[in-house]
């Protein structure tokens, strides 16, 4: 197996471990002592993603400074596995929900290292930035699809089973990552030089902003979308997982060809037009009068989102030289994690105060707004020209 599929499997494993928890989140949180209600699940997810926000850029800076990535990916995955296992054991050893939230934060600090740097290692490969980010996006989408279906089944058997499953997958991803050669370019950069270079590239804020909103919608569907389908249509955790997969399967299937397409036609249309259609589709879900139509629209949401994600990540790769990719992708994941965090909070709080329709209008409206506001900036940055896949390293 070559490096690209091995790294994609690492990304896949990290995503599956997270998504395992979403379909049966209410039951899992209750079993851990968090009580019922959407806000208890909100804080459970926020604890992990808060750590993602704080630590994503730190892993990237550390990677670029040391000039190595593989050992850090292994450490991040192993630490995440230990955290998931400890959370699963928490009720049996007398730990309360407050301690569980602390463990979730510790686990998030490790897991984001494995996730962010495995994507960075994909960026280090040859073959076209869009193609490499398409592989990452496919791994994310397939992982989310698999995790939503299997996680729902696991939660139906035992509310703590998704945590044990996540621990096993993260442990396996640590072993797999250890087999991938380290192709970090150069011998590393001094931290102060690296941070200064990132700070002097304000145009990175454009893909970062899109990454923020895109992840906000992902966080929204992980918490509020699942709760909406369960509350409105009376489905159980297993069926909620299948419904969530209706989004993630096309999201996964279209990512790789969409990333390759953006190498040929440029990033502008996939990012801007894709974002507008994505936002419209999100709003359409909550306006659908019945389950079958709403579930069918989840497929449309997935297809639209698949055009945005790899092109946005590839835009980051287009902007920075190889020696700064770790910090750049770390920054992208900081904004992305902030987006997931915001998606949990916006979805949970707006739903609690104003209901599901307002929450869906907010999430979809933000996706449309970022496309309209930043369209000119994306056009200038992408220039309407395809990225030709020039890189400075080779895949073994």
Protein backbone atom coordinates (compact mmCIF):
# COMPACT_ATOMS: atom_id res chain seq x y z
CA UNK A 1 0.00 0.00 0.00
CA UNK A 2 1.42 3.40 -1.00
CA UNK A 3 1.69 6.41 1.28
CA UNK A 4 -1.47 8.20 0.11
CA UNK A 5 -3.95 5.44 1.05
CA UNK A 6 -2.14 4.76 4.34
CA UNK A 7 -2.36 8.40 5.35
CA UNK A 8 -5.97 8.53 4.17
CA UNK A 9 -6.69 5.55 6.45
CA UNK A 10 -5.22 7.45 9.40
CA UNK A 11 -7.49 10.42 8.63
CA UNK A 12 -10.39 7.99 8.21
CA UNK A 13 -9.75 6.36 11.60
CA UNK A 14 -9.67 9.66 13.45
CA UNK A 15 -12.95 10.75 11.84
CA UNK A 16 -14.67 7.44 12.55
CA UNK A 17 -13.67 7.61 16.22
CA UNK A 18 -15.37 11.01 16.50
CA UNK A 19 -18.48 10.26 14.45
CA UNK A 20 -19.13 7.01 16.33
CA UNK A 21 -20.46 9.24 19.12
CA UNK A 22 -22.91 11.39 17.17
CA UNK A 23 -25.98 9.20 16.43
CA UNK A 24 -26.37 7.96 20.02
CA UNK A 25 -24.92 11.03 21.72
CA UNK A 26 -27.89 11.51 24.05
CA UNK A 27 -27.63 7.95 25.39
CA UNK A 28 -23.83 8.11 25.73
CA UNK A 29 -23.90 11.41 27.62
CA UNK A 30 -26.62 10.10 29.95
CA UNK A 31 -24.58 6.94 30.67
CA UNK A 32 -21.61 9.16 31.59
CA UNK A 33 -23.69 11.15 34.07
CA UNK A 34 -24.40 14.20 31.91
CA UNK A 35 -28.19 14.02 32.05
CA UNK A 36 -30.57 14.58 29.16
CA UNK A 37 -31.22 17.53 26.84
CA UNK A 38 -29.36 18.99 23.88
CA UNK A 39 -27.13 21.24 26.01
CA UNK A 40 -25.52 18.29 27.86
CA UNK A 41 -24.45 16.85 24.51
CA UNK A 42 -23.29 20.30 23.44
CA UNK A 43 -20.77 20.57 26.30
CA UNK A 44 -19.58 17.01 25.75
CA UNK A 45 -18.64 17.85 22.15
CA UNK A 46 -17.41 21.37 22.96
CA UNK A 47 -14.84 20.02 25.45
CA UNK A 48 -13.02 18.07 22.74
CA UNK A 49 -13.26 20.70 20.05
CA UNK A 50 -12.19 23.46 22.41
CA UNK A 51 -8.92 21.56 22.77
CA UNK A 52 -8.76 21.22 19.00
CA UNK A 53 -8.87 25.00 18.69
CA UNK A 54 -6.10 25.55 21.22
CA UNK A 55 -3.76 22.80 20.05
CA UNK A 56 -4.11 22.48 16.25
CA UNK A 57 -1.65 25.25 15.42
CA UNK A 58 0.73 24.13 18.19
CA UNK A 59 1.11 20.71 16.56
CA UNK A 60 1.70 22.36 13.17
CA UNK A 61 4.33 24.75 14.52
CA UNK A 62 6.03 21.91 16.40
CA UNK A 63 6.08 19.77 13.26
CA UNK A 64 7.56 22.50 11.07
CA UNK A 65 10.05 23.48 13.76
CA UNK A 66 11.32 19.93 14.31
CA UNK A 67 11.17 19.09 10.62
CA UNK A 68 9.29 15.84 11.31
CA UNK A 69 5.69 14.66 11.31
CA UNK A 70 5.36 10.86 11.64
CA UNK A 71 6.30 10.55 15.36
CA UNK A 72 3.88 13.35 16.21
CA UNK A 73 1.00 11.68 14.35
CA UNK A 74 1.73 8.45 16.25
CA UNK A 75 1.80 10.27 19.59
CA UNK A 76 -1.44 12.12 18.86
CA UNK A 77 -3.33 8.98 17.87
CA UNK A 78 -2.03 6.98 20.85
CA UNK A 79 -2.93 9.74 23.29
CA UNK A 80 -6.41 10.01 21.79
CA UNK A 81 -6.91 6.26 22.14
CA UNK A 82 -5.98 6.39 25.81
CA UNK A 83 -8.42 9.24 26.40
CA UNK A 84 -11.35 7.49 24.71
CA UNK A 85 -10.70 4.35 26.73
CA UNK A 86 -10.53 6.29 30.00
CA UNK A 87 -13.79 8.11 29.26
CA UNK A 88 -15.49 4.78 28.57
CA UNK A 89 -14.25 3.45 31.91
CA UNK A 90 -15.22 6.61 33.82
CA UNK A 91 -18.59 5.40 35.23
CA UNK A 92 -17.01 2.18 36.52
CA UNK A 93 -14.20 3.99 38.36
CA UNK A 94 -16.41 6.65 39.91
CA UNK A 95 -15.55 9.65 37.74
CA UNK A 96 -18.28 12.27 37.37
CA UNK A 97 -19.31 14.16 34.27
CA UNK A 98 -16.99 17.06 35.10
CA UNK A 99 -13.99 14.71 35.02
CA UNK A 100 -15.29 13.25 31.76
CA UNK A 101 -15.27 16.72 30.19
CA UNK A 102 -11.65 17.22 31.31
CA UNK A 103 -10.70 13.87 29.78
CA UNK A 104 -12.46 14.86 26.57
CA UNK A 105 -10.37 18.04 26.43
CA UNK A 106 -7.13 16.10 27.02
CA UNK A 107 -8.09 13.63 24.32
CA UNK A 108 -8.89 16.43 21.91
CA UNK A 109 -5.45 17.95 22.47
CA UNK A 110 -3.88 14.68 21.29
CA UNK A 111 -6.34 13.72 18.56
CA UNK A 112 -6.07 17.00 16.65
CA UNK A 113 -2.35 16.34 16.26
CA UNK A 114 -2.99 13.03 14.50
CA UNK A 115 -5.72 14.54 12.34
CA UNK A 116 -4.02 17.78 11.31
CA UNK A 117 -0.55 16.37 10.71
CA UNK A 118 -1.75 13.33 8.76
CA UNK A 119 -3.45 15.77 6.37
CA UNK A 120 -0.22 17.79 6.28
CA UNK A 121 1.68 14.62 5.34
CA UNK A 122 -0.74 14.20 2.44
CA UNK A 123 0.11 17.76 1.42
CA UNK A 124 3.79 16.77 1.32
CA UNK A 125 3.14 14.16 -1.38
CA UNK A 126 3.32 14.75 -5.12
CA UNK A 127 0.43 14.25 -7.53
CA UNK A 128 -1.51 17.51 -7.32
CA UNK A 129 -2.75 19.43 -4.30
CA UNK A 130 -6.38 19.00 -5.28
CA UNK A 131 -5.92 15.25 -5.66
CA UNK A 132 -4.15 14.92 -2.31
CA UNK A 133 -6.75 17.03 -0.54
CA UNK A 134 -9.43 15.07 -2.37
CA UNK A 135 -7.97 11.93 -0.80
CA UNK A 136 -8.15 13.62 2.60
CA UNK A 137 -11.70 14.75 1.95
CA UNK A 138 -12.74 11.29 0.79
CA UNK A 139 -11.25 9.79 3.95
CA UNK A 140 -13.15 12.33 6.02
CA UNK A 141 -16.40 11.68 4.21
CA UNK A 142 -16.09 7.89 4.18
CA UNK A 143 -15.07 7.94 7.83
CA UNK A 144 -18.05 10.07 8.74
CA UNK A 145 -20.42 7.86 6.71
CA UNK A 146 -19.08 4.64 8.24
CA UNK A 147 -18.95 6.15 11.71
CA UNK A 148 -22.51 7.42 11.59
CA UNK A 149 -23.97 4.06 10.56
CA UNK A 150 -21.82 1.83 12.78
CA UNK A 151 -21.87 4.31 15.67
CA UNK A 152 -25.64 4.26 15.68
CA UNK A 153 -25.64 0.46 15.77
CA UNK A 154 -23.07 0.38 18.56
CA UNK A 155 -25.02 2.88 20.66
CA UNK A 156 -28.16 0.77 20.25
CA UNK A 157 -26.28 -2.15 21.83
CA UNK A 158 -24.44 -0.21 24.57
CA UNK A 159 -24.19 3.58 24.95
CA UNK A 160 -20.49 3.28 25.85
CA UNK A 161 -19.61 0.98 22.93
CA UNK A 162 -18.85 3.91 20.56
CA UNK A 163 -16.14 5.06 22.97
CA UNK A 164 -14.50 1.63 23.07
CA UNK A 165 -14.69 1.43 19.28
CA UNK A 166 -13.06 4.84 18.95
CA UNK A 167 -10.22 3.80 21.26
CA UNK A 168 -9.51 0.71 19.15
CA UNK A 169 -9.48 2.68 15.90
CA UNK A 170 -7.18 5.40 17.24
CA UNK A 171 -4.78 2.78 18.57
CA UNK A 172 -4.73 1.10 15.17
CA UNK A 173 -4.14 4.40 13.39
CA UNK A 174 -1.11 5.04 15.60
CA UNK A 175 0.40 1.72 14.46
CA UNK A 176 -0.42 2.43 10.81
CA UNK A 177 1.02 5.96 10.92
CA UNK A 178 4.30 4.58 12.22
CA UNK A 179 4.79 2.77 8.88
CA UNK A 180 4.61 5.94 6.74
CA UNK A 181 7.97 7.53 5.78
CA UNK A 182 8.44 11.07 7.03
CA UNK A 183 8.68 13.48 4.09
CA UNK A 184 8.58 16.76 5.96
CA UNK A 185 10.54 19.19 3.75
CA UNK A 186 13.72 20.75 5.06
CA UNK A 187 15.20 20.66 8.53
CA UNK A 188 12.52 22.72 10.20
CA UNK A 189 12.23 26.43 10.91
CA UNK A 190 12.72 28.44 14.09
CA UNK A 191 9.37 29.00 15.77
CA UNK A 192 9.61 32.80 15.71
CA UNK A 193 10.46 32.82 11.98
CA UNK A 194 7.62 30.45 11.17
CA UNK A 195 5.01 32.36 13.16
CA UNK A 196 6.17 35.60 11.52
CA UNK A 197 5.76 34.12 8.04
CA UNK A 198 2.26 32.87 8.80
CA UNK A 199 1.33 36.27 10.23
CA UNK A 200 2.54 38.01 7.06
CA UNK A 201 0.22 35.95 4.85
CA UNK A 202 -3.16 37.56 5.59
CA UNK A 203 -4.64 36.06 2.40
CA UNK A 204 -4.70 32.74 4.27
CA UNK A 205 -7.68 34.17 6.12
CA UNK A 206 -9.79 33.61 2.99
CA UNK A 207 -9.65 29.78 2.95
CA UNK A 208 -9.57 29.82 6.76
CA UNK A 209 -12.91 31.68 6.80
CA UNK A 210 -14.49 29.18 4.43
CA UNK A 211 -13.07 26.32 6.49
CA UNK A 212 -14.62 27.89 9.59
CA UNK A 213 -18.12 28.09 8.12
CA UNK A 214 -17.92 24.69 6.45
CA UNK A 215 -16.96 23.03 9.73
CA UNK A 216 -19.67 25.04 11.52
CA UNK A 217 -22.24 23.32 9.33
CA UNK A 218 -20.61 19.94 10.01
CA UNK A 219 -20.80 20.54 13.75
CA UNK A 220 -24.36 21.71 13.32
CA UNK A 221 -25.43 18.49 11.61
CA UNK A 222 -23.47 16.29 14.05
CA UNK A 223 -25.46 17.64 17.00
CA UNK A 224 -28.55 19.56 15.89
CA UNK A 225 -29.16 17.68 12.64
CA UNK A 226 -29.22 14.35 14.44
CA UNK A 227 -31.44 15.76 17.20
CA UNK A 228 -33.79 17.26 14.60
CA UNK A 229 -34.36 13.97 12.80
CA UNK A 230 -34.77 12.05 16.05
CA UNK A 231 -37.18 14.55 17.64
CA UNK A 232 -39.18 15.44 14.54
CA UNK A 233 -39.55 12.03 12.93
CA UNK A 234 -39.21 9.78 16.00
CA UNK A 235 -36.30 7.68 14.74
CA UNK A 236 -33.83 5.81 16.98
CA UNK A 237 -30.03 6.09 17.15
CA UNK A 238 -29.46 3.42 14.48
CA UNK A 239 -31.80 5.09 11.99
CA UNK A 240 -30.30 8.50 12.84
CA UNK A 241 -26.90 7.10 11.91
CA UNK A 242 -28.23 5.90 8.56
CA UNK A 243 -29.80 9.31 7.95
CA UNK A 244 -26.53 11.08 8.73
CA UNK A 245 -24.80 8.71 6.31
CA UNK A 246 -27.07 9.97 3.52
CA UNK A 247 -25.06 13.17 3.79
CA UNK A 248 -21.64 11.65 4.35
CA UNK A 249 -21.68 8.96 1.62
CA UNK A 250 -22.06 11.37 -1.33
CA UNK A 251 -19.83 13.83 0.52
CA UNK A 252 -17.14 11.14 0.49
CA UNK A 253 -17.76 9.81 -3.01
CA UNK A 254 -17.57 13.19 -4.74
CA UNK A 255 -14.59 14.63 -2.81
CA UNK A 256 -11.77 13.03 -4.78
CA UNK A 257 -13.10 13.84 -8.27
CA UNK A 258 -14.09 17.31 -7.06
CA UNK A 259 -10.56 17.92 -5.77
CA UNK A 260 -9.08 16.76 -9.09
CA UNK A 261 -11.58 18.96 -10.94
CA UNK A 262 -10.42 21.99 -8.97
CA UNK A 263 -6.85 21.26 -10.15
CA UNK A 264 -8.12 21.68 -13.72
CA UNK A 265 -10.66 24.50 -13.51
CA UNK A 266 -9.36 26.43 -10.51
CA UNK A 267 -10.71 26.89 -7.00
CA UNK A 268 -13.20 29.73 -7.56
CA UNK A 269 -16.30 27.88 -8.78
CA UNK A 270 -16.03 24.90 -6.39
CA UNK A 271 -15.54 27.19 -3.39
CA UNK A 272 -17.98 30.03 -4.11
CA UNK A 273 -20.75 28.39 -6.13
CA UNK A 274 -20.47 25.24 -4.05
CA UNK A 275 -20.91 27.20 -0.83
CA UNK A 276 -24.06 28.97 -2.07
CA UNK A 277 -25.68 25.69 -3.15
CA UNK A 278 -24.58 24.04 0.08
CA UNK A 279 -26.28 26.72 2.19
CA UNK A 280 -29.50 26.53 0.18
CA UNK A 281 -29.61 22.75 0.56
CA UNK A 282 -29.13 22.97 4.34
CA UNK A 283 -32.13 25.27 4.66
CA UNK A 284 -34.20 23.04 2.40
CA UNK A 285 -33.79 20.09 4.80
CA UNK A 286 -35.72 21.74 7.63
CA UNK A 287 -38.43 22.97 5.26
CA UNK A 288 -39.14 19.48 3.90
CA UNK A 289 -42.60 18.28 4.99
CA UNK A 290 -41.72 14.62 5.59
CA UNK A 291 -38.88 12.30 6.53
CA UNK A 292 -38.31 10.81 3.07
CA UNK A 293 -37.88 14.20 1.40
CA UNK A 294 -35.75 15.57 4.24
CA UNK A 295 -33.54 12.49 4.13
CA UNK A 296 -33.25 12.75 0.35
CA UNK A 297 -32.14 16.35 0.66
CA UNK A 298 -29.32 15.18 2.91
CA UNK A 299 -27.84 13.57 -0.21
CA UNK A 300 -27.96 16.94 -1.98
CA UNK A 301 -26.29 18.60 1.01
CA UNK A 302 -23.49 16.03 0.84
CA UNK A 303 -22.84 16.53 -2.88
CA UNK A 304 -22.71 20.33 -2.55
CA UNK A 305 -20.39 20.16 0.44
CA UNK A 306 -18.05 17.80 -1.41
CA UNK A 307 -17.20 20.47 -3.97
CA UNK A 308 -16.23 23.01 -1.32
CA UNK A 309 -14.05 21.03 1.09
CA UNK A 310 -11.09 19.77 -1.02
CA UNK A 311 -10.88 22.98 -3.05
CA UNK A 312 -10.68 25.04 0.14
CA UNK A 313 -7.93 22.87 1.62
CA UNK A 314 -6.06 22.90 -1.70
CA UNK A 315 -6.25 26.70 -1.72
CA UNK A 316 -4.26 26.68 1.52
CA UNK A 317 -1.66 24.46 -0.14
CA UNK A 318 -1.50 26.77 -3.16
CA UNK A 319 -0.66 29.77 -1.00
CA UNK A 320 2.21 28.56 1.18
CA UNK A 321 5.61 26.97 0.41
CA UNK A 322 6.22 23.35 1.50
CA UNK A 323 8.20 24.32 4.63
CA UNK A 324 5.20 26.19 6.06
CA UNK A 325 2.45 23.69 5.29
CA UNK A 326 2.31 22.24 8.79
CA UNK A 327 1.62 25.61 10.39
CA UNK A 328 -0.74 26.61 7.57
CA UNK A 329 -2.81 23.44 7.90
CA UNK A 330 -2.64 23.81 11.67
CA UNK A 331 -4.11 27.29 11.27
CA UNK A 332 -6.76 25.94 8.92
CA UNK A 333 -7.70 23.34 11.50
CA UNK A 334 -7.81 25.98 14.25
CA UNK A 335 -10.45 27.82 12.24
CA UNK A 336 -12.11 24.53 11.35
CA UNK A 337 -12.23 23.45 14.97
CA UNK A 338 -13.59 26.87 15.93
CA UNK A 339 -16.23 26.25 13.29
CA UNK A 340 -17.16 22.84 14.73
CA UNK A 341 -17.26 24.43 18.17
CA UNK A 342 -19.48 27.21 16.85
CA UNK A 343 -21.69 24.68 15.09
CA UNK A 344 -22.29 22.82 18.35
CA UNK A 345 -22.96 26.05 20.22
CA UNK A 346 -25.06 27.75 17.54
CA UNK A 347 -27.07 24.61 16.93
CA UNK A 348 -27.56 23.74 20.58
CA UNK A 349 -28.29 27.23 21.90
CA UNK A 350 -30.37 28.52 18.98
CA UNK A 351 -32.41 25.32 18.93
CA UNK A 352 -32.92 25.49 22.69
CA UNK A 353 -34.10 29.11 22.50
CA UNK A 354 -35.81 29.44 19.10
CA UNK A 355 -36.35 25.98 17.63
CA UNK A 356 -35.02 23.91 14.75
CA UNK A 357 -36.21 26.08 11.84
CA UNK A 358 -34.32 29.14 13.09
CA UNK A 359 -31.23 27.04 13.76
CA UNK A 360 -31.20 25.61 10.21
CA UNK A 361 -31.79 29.07 8.71
CA UNK A 362 -28.83 30.36 10.71
CA UNK A 363 -26.45 27.59 9.63
CA UNK A 364 -27.44 27.68 5.96
CA UNK A 365 -27.53 31.46 5.88
CA UNK A 366 -23.96 31.69 7.20
CA UNK A 367 -22.74 29.38 4.42
CA UNK A 368 -24.41 31.55 1.77
CA UNK A 369 -23.16 34.76 3.40
CA UNK A 370 -19.47 33.76 3.41
CA UNK A 371 -19.67 32.90 -0.29
CA UNK A 372 -21.22 36.26 -1.20
CA UNK A 373 -18.95 38.33 1.02
CA UNK A 374 -15.67 36.61 0.09
CA UNK A 375 -16.34 35.85 -3.61
CA UNK A 376 -14.11 38.68 -4.80
CA UNK A 377 -11.26 37.67 -2.51
CA UNK A 378 -11.44 34.07 -3.72
CA UNK A 379 -11.40 35.23 -7.35
CA UNK A 380 -8.28 37.34 -6.76
CA UNK A 381 -6.56 34.58 -4.84
CA UNK A 382 -7.41 31.77 -7.25
CA UNK A 383 -7.19 33.93 -10.34
CA UNK A 384 -9.59 31.53 -12.03
CA UNK A 385 -6.58 29.40 -12.98
CA UNK A 386 -6.14 25.73 -12.18
CA UNK A 387 -3.39 24.64 -9.86
CA UNK A 388 -1.01 22.45 -11.80
CA UNK A 389 0.01 20.15 -9.00
CA UNK A 390 3.60 21.29 -8.67
CA UNK A 391 5.14 20.10 -5.44
CA UNK A 392 8.60 19.75 -4.03
CA UNK A 393 8.43 16.23 -2.76
CA UNK A 394 7.64 12.83 -4.17
CA UNK A 395 5.47 10.02 -3.04
CA UNK A 396 7.28 6.80 -2.40
